[in-house]
Amino acid sequence: MKKINIENNYREIIKELGEDPEREGLIKTPERVAKSMKFLLNGYQADPDATMKQALFHEEYSEMVLVKDIEVYSLCEHHMLPFFGKAHIAYIPDGKIVGLSKIPRVVDAYARRLQVQERLTIEIRDCLQKNLNPKGVAVVLECSHMCMQMRGVQKQNSATTTSAFTGLFLSNDTTRKEFINLIK
């Protein structure tokens, strides 16, 4: 199997765009972009389930656990332009809790892949549901998409909100409303 050289491919892209990759300001650009892409897409090397399993604890706490305003940075799989914003994640334990730092790590593991916001929201929800088996999970993502702001419709003030729920967040209006009020 042929090894793909990201750096050389970016050098060729620069040429195809009509620039000189040997120009002083561009000489190291292919190398820098290759390193940047490897970092921005390092979620493919992450295992969100293993991350969760590193810090599971038995605890009888049964009220909502909310981690909000988690920074999200991802790349749109359609244009490979950034989208970014905040994730708000809650769960209601059923005998098991997770170390709080693992929730943002799960967000990063999925966000650092080529993504669409809708799938990202569901992947985060499903990871928590599978590993914690809680009474419910709620995930809301609020993001700005550079593919909508820099190109296409060019709507700089637009934002996209997605949500995904399980358990009590689906079946109990009071629980869902409490979550929504807490993230406002």
C-alpha atoms as a PDB file:
ATOM      1  CA  MET A   1       0.000   0.000   0.000  1.00  0.00           C
ATOM      2  CA  LYS A   2       1.355   3.405  -0.999  1.00  0.00           C
ATOM      3  CA  LYS A   3       2.085   5.752   1.904  1.00  0.00           C
ATOM      4  CA  ILE A   4       0.314   9.081   1.494  1.00  0.00           C
ATOM      5  CA  ASN A   5       2.581  12.050   2.009  1.00  0.00           C
ATOM      6  CA  ILE A   6       0.370  14.881   3.210  1.00  0.00           C
ATOM      7  CA  GLU A   7       3.187  17.419   2.962  1.00  0.00           C
ATOM      8  CA  ASN A   8       3.867  16.675  -0.731  1.00  0.00           C
ATOM      9  CA  ASN A   9       0.152  16.740  -1.498  1.00  0.00           C
ATOM     10  CA  TYR A  10      -0.167  20.225  -0.008  1.00  0.00           C
ATOM     11  CA  ARG A  11       2.854  21.352  -2.004  1.00  0.00           C
ATOM     12  CA  GLU A  12       1.027  20.206  -5.153  1.00  0.00           C
ATOM     13  CA  ILE A  13      -2.199  21.924  -4.041  1.00  0.00           C
ATOM     14  CA  ILE A  14      -0.300  25.183  -3.602  1.00  0.00           C
ATOM     15  CA  LYS A  15       1.048  24.808  -7.154  1.00  0.00           C
ATOM     16  CA  GLU A  16      -2.424  24.008  -8.529  1.00  0.00           C
ATOM     17  CA  LEU A  17      -3.767  27.156  -6.883  1.00  0.00           C
ATOM     18  CA  GLY A  18      -1.229  29.201  -8.858  1.00  0.00           C
ATOM     19  CA  GLU A  19       1.278  29.884  -6.104  1.00  0.00           C
ATOM     20  CA  ASP A  20       4.961  29.106  -5.873  1.00  0.00           C
ATOM     21  CA  PRO A  21       5.576  26.628  -3.036  1.00  0.00           C
ATOM     22  CA  GLU A  22       9.248  27.673  -3.090  1.00  0.00           C
ATOM     23  CA  ARG A  23       8.395  31.285  -2.268  1.00  0.00           C
ATOM     24  CA  GLU A  24       9.891  32.323   1.079  1.00  0.00           C
ATOM     25  CA  GLY A  25       6.582  32.557   2.917  1.00  0.00           C
ATOM     26  CA  LEU A  26       5.382  29.206   1.561  1.00  0.00           C
ATOM     27  CA  ILE A  27       8.485  26.998   1.794  1.00  0.00           C
ATOM     28  CA  LYS A  28       7.492  25.460   5.142  1.00  0.00           C
ATOM     29  CA  THR A  29       3.719  25.762   4.621  1.00  0.00           C
ATOM     30  CA  PRO A  30       3.189  22.168   3.377  1.00  0.00           C
ATOM     31  CA  GLU A  31       5.022  20.828   6.434  1.00  0.00           C
ATOM     32  CA  ARG A  32       3.085  23.098   8.809  1.00  0.00           C
ATOM     33  CA  VAL A  33      -0.270  22.222   7.229  1.00  0.00           C
ATOM     34  CA  ALA A  34       0.502  18.489   7.384  1.00  0.00           C
ATOM     35  CA  LYS A  35       1.311  18.763  11.106  1.00  0.00           C
ATOM     36  CA  SER A  36      -1.795  20.877  11.658  1.00  0.00           C
ATOM     37  CA  MET A  37      -4.079  18.379   9.916  1.00  0.00           C
ATOM     38  CA  LYS A  38      -2.617  15.475  11.885  1.00  0.00           C
ATOM     39  CA  PHE A  39      -3.330  17.381  15.106  1.00  0.00           C
ATOM     40  CA  LEU A  40      -6.800  18.590  14.093  1.00  0.00           C
ATOM     41  CA  LEU A  41      -7.815  15.065  13.091  1.00  0.00           C
ATOM     42  CA  ASN A  42      -6.129  13.114  15.897  1.00  0.00           C
ATOM     43  CA  GLY A  43      -9.533  11.835  17.040  1.00  0.00           C
ATOM     44  CA  TYR A  44      -9.115   8.883  14.704  1.00  0.00           C
ATOM     45  CA  GLN A  45      -6.418   7.593  17.062  1.00  0.00           C
ATOM     46  CA  ALA A  46      -8.611   8.125  20.151  1.00  0.00           C
ATOM     47  CA  ASP A  47     -10.875   5.523  21.707  1.00  0.00           C
ATOM     48  CA  PRO A  48     -13.753   7.349  23.442  1.00  0.00           C
ATOM     49  CA  ASP A  49     -15.031   4.151  25.088  1.00  0.00           C
ATOM     50  CA  ALA A  50     -11.600   3.444  26.605  1.00  0.00           C
ATOM     51  CA  THR A  51     -11.444   7.059  27.788  1.00  0.00           C
ATOM     52  CA  MET A  52     -14.740   6.642  29.630  1.00  0.00           C
ATOM     53  CA  LYS A  53     -13.731   3.295  31.144  1.00  0.00           C
ATOM     54  CA  GLN A  54     -10.599   4.842  32.702  1.00  0.00           C
ATOM     55  CA  ALA A  55     -12.649   6.676  35.308  1.00  0.00           C
ATOM     56  CA  LEU A  56     -15.940   4.895  36.052  1.00  0.00           C
ATOM     57  CA  PHE A  57     -16.985   4.854  39.693  1.00  0.00           C
ATOM     58  CA  HIS A  58     -19.884   3.280  41.550  1.00  0.00           C
ATOM     59  CA  GLU A  59     -21.825   6.007  43.306  1.00  0.00           C
ATOM     60  CA  GLU A  60     -25.428   6.310  44.447  1.00  0.00           C
ATOM     61  CA  TYR A  61     -25.790   9.896  43.253  1.00  0.00           C
ATOM     62  CA  SER A  62     -28.995  10.122  41.219  1.00  0.00           C
ATOM     63  CA  GLU A  63     -29.429  13.796  40.283  1.00  0.00           C
ATOM     64  CA  MET A  64     -28.381  15.472  37.049  1.00  0.00           C
ATOM     65  CA  VAL A  65     -24.653  15.854  36.359  1.00  0.00           C
ATOM     66  CA  LEU A  66     -24.020  18.693  33.894  1.00  0.00           C
ATOM     67  CA  VAL A  67     -20.800  19.772  32.219  1.00  0.00           C
ATOM     68  CA  LYS A  68     -21.515  22.815  30.099  1.00  0.00           C
ATOM     69  CA  ASP A  69     -19.659  25.246  27.863  1.00  0.00           C
ATOM     70  CA  ILE A  70     -17.184  22.613  26.674  1.00  0.00           C
ATOM     71  CA  GLU A  71     -15.242  24.074  23.756  1.00  0.00           C
ATOM     72  CA  VAL A  72     -15.764  22.185  20.505  1.00  0.00           C
ATOM     73  CA  TYR A  73     -13.446  22.459  17.498  1.00  0.00           C
ATOM     74  CA  SER A  74     -14.017  20.289  14.462  1.00  0.00           C
ATOM     75  CA  LEU A  75     -13.689  20.196  10.687  1.00  0.00           C
ATOM     76  CA  CYS A  76     -16.727  19.946   8.450  1.00  0.00           C
ATOM     77  CA  GLU A  77     -16.422  16.815   6.340  1.00  0.00           C
ATOM     78  CA  HIS A  78     -18.006  18.526   3.345  1.00  0.00           C
ATOM     79  CA  HIS A  79     -15.571  21.440   2.973  1.00  0.00           C
ATOM     80  CA  MET A  80     -12.864  20.682   5.549  1.00  0.00           C
ATOM     81  CA  LEU A  81     -13.463  24.092   7.095  1.00  0.00           C
ATOM     82  CA  PRO A  82     -13.730  24.559  10.862  1.00  0.00           C
ATOM     83  CA  PHE A  83     -16.856  24.598  12.922  1.00  0.00           C
ATOM     84  CA  PHE A  84     -16.636  25.490  16.579  1.00  0.00           C
ATOM     85  CA  GLY A  85     -18.740  26.301  19.585  1.00  0.00           C
ATOM     86  CA  LYS A  86     -19.902  24.824  22.865  1.00  0.00           C
ATOM     87  CA  ALA A  87     -21.167  21.452  24.039  1.00  0.00           C
ATOM     88  CA  HIS A  88     -23.494  21.049  27.009  1.00  0.00           C
ATOM     89  CA  ILE A  89     -23.707  17.489  28.319  1.00  0.00           C
ATOM     90  CA  ALA A  90     -25.740  16.049  31.167  1.00  0.00           C
ATOM     91  CA  TYR A  91     -26.550  12.610  32.468  1.00  0.00           C
ATOM     92  CA  ILE A  92     -28.557  11.178  35.340  1.00  0.00           C
ATOM     93  CA  PRO A  93     -26.523   8.420  37.002  1.00  0.00           C
ATOM     94  CA  ASP A  94     -27.924   5.009  37.790  1.00  0.00           C
ATOM     95  CA  GLY A  95     -25.255   3.730  40.168  1.00  0.00           C
ATOM     96  CA  LYS A  96     -22.284   4.783  38.039  1.00  0.00           C
ATOM     97  CA  ILE A  97     -20.527   8.132  37.482  1.00  0.00           C
ATOM     98  CA  VAL A  98     -17.553   9.129  35.351  1.00  0.00           C
ATOM     99  CA  GLY A  99     -14.633  11.410  36.157  1.00  0.00           C
ATOM    100  CA  LEU A 100     -15.714  14.847  34.940  1.00  0.00           C
ATOM    101  CA  SER A 101     -12.632  15.412  32.751  1.00  0.00           C
ATOM    102  CA  LYS A 102     -13.547  12.370  30.669  1.00  0.00           C
ATOM    103  CA  ILE A 103     -16.623  14.091  29.235  1.00  0.00           C
ATOM    104  CA  PRO A 104     -14.650  16.860  27.439  1.00  0.00           C
ATOM    105  CA  ARG A 105     -12.135  14.205  26.347  1.00  0.00           C
ATOM    106  CA  VAL A 106     -14.945  12.239  24.704  1.00  0.00           C
ATOM    107  CA  VAL A 107     -16.111  15.433  22.978  1.00  0.00           C
ATOM    108  CA  ASP A 108     -12.584  16.002  21.630  1.00  0.00           C
ATOM    109  CA  ALA A 109     -12.182  12.373  20.531  1.00  0.00           C
ATOM    110  CA  TYR A 110     -15.211  12.639  18.252  1.00  0.00           C
ATOM    111  CA  ALA A 111     -14.788  16.314  17.282  1.00  0.00           C
ATOM    112  CA  ARG A 112     -11.186  15.781  16.097  1.00  0.00           C
ATOM    113  CA  ARG A 113     -12.450  13.854  13.070  1.00  0.00           C
ATOM    114  CA  LEU A 114     -14.045  14.962   9.825  1.00  0.00           C
ATOM    115  CA  GLN A 115     -17.563  15.565  11.067  1.00  0.00           C
ATOM    116  CA  VAL A 116     -21.055  16.905  10.689  1.00  0.00           C
ATOM    117  CA  GLN A 117     -22.518  18.469  13.811  1.00  0.00           C
ATOM    118  CA  GLU A 118     -25.552  16.198  13.779  1.00  0.00           C
ATOM    119  CA  ARG A 119     -23.471  12.995  13.903  1.00  0.00           C
ATOM    120  CA  LEU A 120     -21.086  14.482  16.479  1.00  0.00           C
ATOM    121  CA  THR A 121     -24.027  15.179  18.803  1.00  0.00           C
ATOM    122  CA  ILE A 122     -25.289  11.595  18.519  1.00  0.00           C
ATOM    123  CA  GLU A 123     -21.843  10.012  18.910  1.00  0.00           C
ATOM    124  CA  ILE A 124     -21.265  11.860  22.183  1.00  0.00           C
ATOM    125  CA  ARG A 125     -24.728  10.916  23.467  1.00  0.00           C
ATOM    126  CA  ASP A 126     -24.331   7.265  22.522  1.00  0.00           C
ATOM    127  CA  CYS A 127     -20.873   6.980  24.107  1.00  0.00           C
ATOM    128  CA  LEU A 128     -22.157   8.200  27.466  1.00  0.00           C
ATOM    129  CA  GLN A 129     -25.283   6.041  27.249  1.00  0.00           C
ATOM    130  CA  LYS A 130     -23.306   2.907  26.390  1.00  0.00           C
ATOM    131  CA  ASN A 131     -20.584   3.326  29.005  1.00  0.00           C
ATOM    132  CA  LEU A 132     -22.601   4.710  31.927  1.00  0.00           C
ATOM    133  CA  ASN A 133     -26.021   3.159  31.296  1.00  0.00           C
ATOM    134  CA  PRO A 134     -27.576   6.169  33.054  1.00  0.00           C
ATOM    135  CA  LYS A 135     -31.228   7.063  33.471  1.00  0.00           C
ATOM    136  CA  GLY A 136     -30.756   9.584  30.684  1.00  0.00           C
ATOM    137  CA  VAL A 137     -28.276  11.599  28.623  1.00  0.00           C
ATOM    138  CA  ALA A 138     -28.690  15.070  27.135  1.00  0.00           C
ATOM    139  CA  VAL A 139     -26.331  16.657  24.612  1.00  0.00           C
ATOM    140  CA  VAL A 140     -26.691  20.088  23.027  1.00  0.00           C
ATOM    141  CA  LEU A 141     -24.114  21.542  20.629  1.00  0.00           C
ATOM    142  CA  GLU A 142     -24.158  25.194  19.583  1.00  0.00           C
ATOM    143  CA  CYS A 143     -21.681  25.842  16.771  1.00  0.00           C
ATOM    144  CA  SER A 144     -20.662  28.333  14.117  1.00  0.00           C
ATOM    145  CA  HIS A 145     -19.680  26.859  10.771  1.00  0.00           C
ATOM    146  CA  MET A 146     -17.027  28.548   8.674  1.00  0.00           C
ATOM    147  CA  CYS A 147     -18.441  26.802   5.591  1.00  0.00           C
ATOM    148  CA  MET A 148     -21.568  28.947   6.073  1.00  0.00           C
ATOM    149  CA  GLN A 149     -19.724  32.077   7.158  1.00  0.00           C
ATOM    150  CA  MET A 150     -16.704  32.241   4.813  1.00  0.00           C
ATOM    151  CA  ARG A 151     -18.220  30.744   1.670  1.00  0.00           C
ATOM    152  CA  GLY A 152     -21.604  29.700   0.338  1.00  0.00           C
ATOM    153  CA  VAL A 153     -24.350  31.795   1.921  1.00  0.00           C
ATOM    154  CA  GLN A 154     -21.822  33.912   3.896  1.00  0.00           C
ATOM    155  CA  LYS A 155     -24.020  34.379   6.960  1.00  0.00           C
ATOM    156  CA  GLN A 156     -21.520  35.510   9.601  1.00  0.00           C
ATOM    157  CA  ASN A 157     -23.928  35.580  12.534  1.00  0.00           C
ATOM    158  CA  SER A 158     -25.513  32.198  11.970  1.00  0.00           C
ATOM    159  CA  ALA A 159     -25.284  29.424  14.533  1.00  0.00           C
ATOM    160  CA  THR A 160     -26.450  25.825  14.472  1.00  0.00           C
ATOM    161  CA  THR A 161     -27.893  24.027  17.488  1.00  0.00           C
ATOM    162  CA  THR A 162     -28.293  20.263  17.633  1.00  0.00           C
ATOM    163  CA  SER A 163     -29.583  18.106  20.461  1.00  0.00           C
ATOM    164  CA  ALA A 164     -29.828  14.434  21.318  1.00  0.00           C
ATOM    165  CA  PHE A 165     -31.512  12.873  24.355  1.00  0.00           C
ATOM    166  CA  THR A 166     -32.088   9.479  25.936  1.00  0.00           C
ATOM    167  CA  GLY A 167     -34.097   8.193  28.871  1.00  0.00           C
ATOM    168  CA  LEU A 168     -35.559  10.716  31.295  1.00  0.00           C
ATOM    169  CA  PHE A 169     -34.514  13.626  29.094  1.00  0.00           C
ATOM    170  CA  LEU A 170     -36.858  12.227  26.433  1.00  0.00           C
ATOM    171  CA  SER A 171     -39.710  10.992  28.595  1.00  0.00           C
ATOM    172  CA  ASN A 172     -39.836  13.614  31.342  1.00  0.00           C
ATOM    173  CA  ASP A 173     -40.607  17.214  30.333  1.00  0.00           C
ATOM    174  CA  THR A 174     -39.551  18.546  33.738  1.00  0.00           C
ATOM    175  CA  THR A 175     -36.115  16.942  33.483  1.00  0.00           C
ATOM    176  CA  ARG A 176     -35.582  18.206  29.945  1.00  0.00           C
ATOM    177  CA  LYS A 177     -36.716  21.730  30.925  1.00  0.00           C
ATOM    178  CA  GLU A 178     -34.362  21.730  33.922  1.00  0.00           C
ATOM    179  CA  PHE A 179     -31.469  20.848  31.590  1.00  0.00           C
ATOM    180  CA  ILE A 180     -32.425  23.550  29.085  1.00  0.00           C
ATOM    181  CA  ASN A 181     -32.729  26.156  31.860  1.00  0.00           C
ATOM    182  CA  LEU A 182     -29.334  25.211  33.286  1.00  0.00           C
ATOM    183  CA  ILE A 183     -27.525  25.631  29.964  1.00  0.00           C
ATOM    184  CA  LYS A 184     -29.025  29.054  29.195  1.00  0.00           C
END
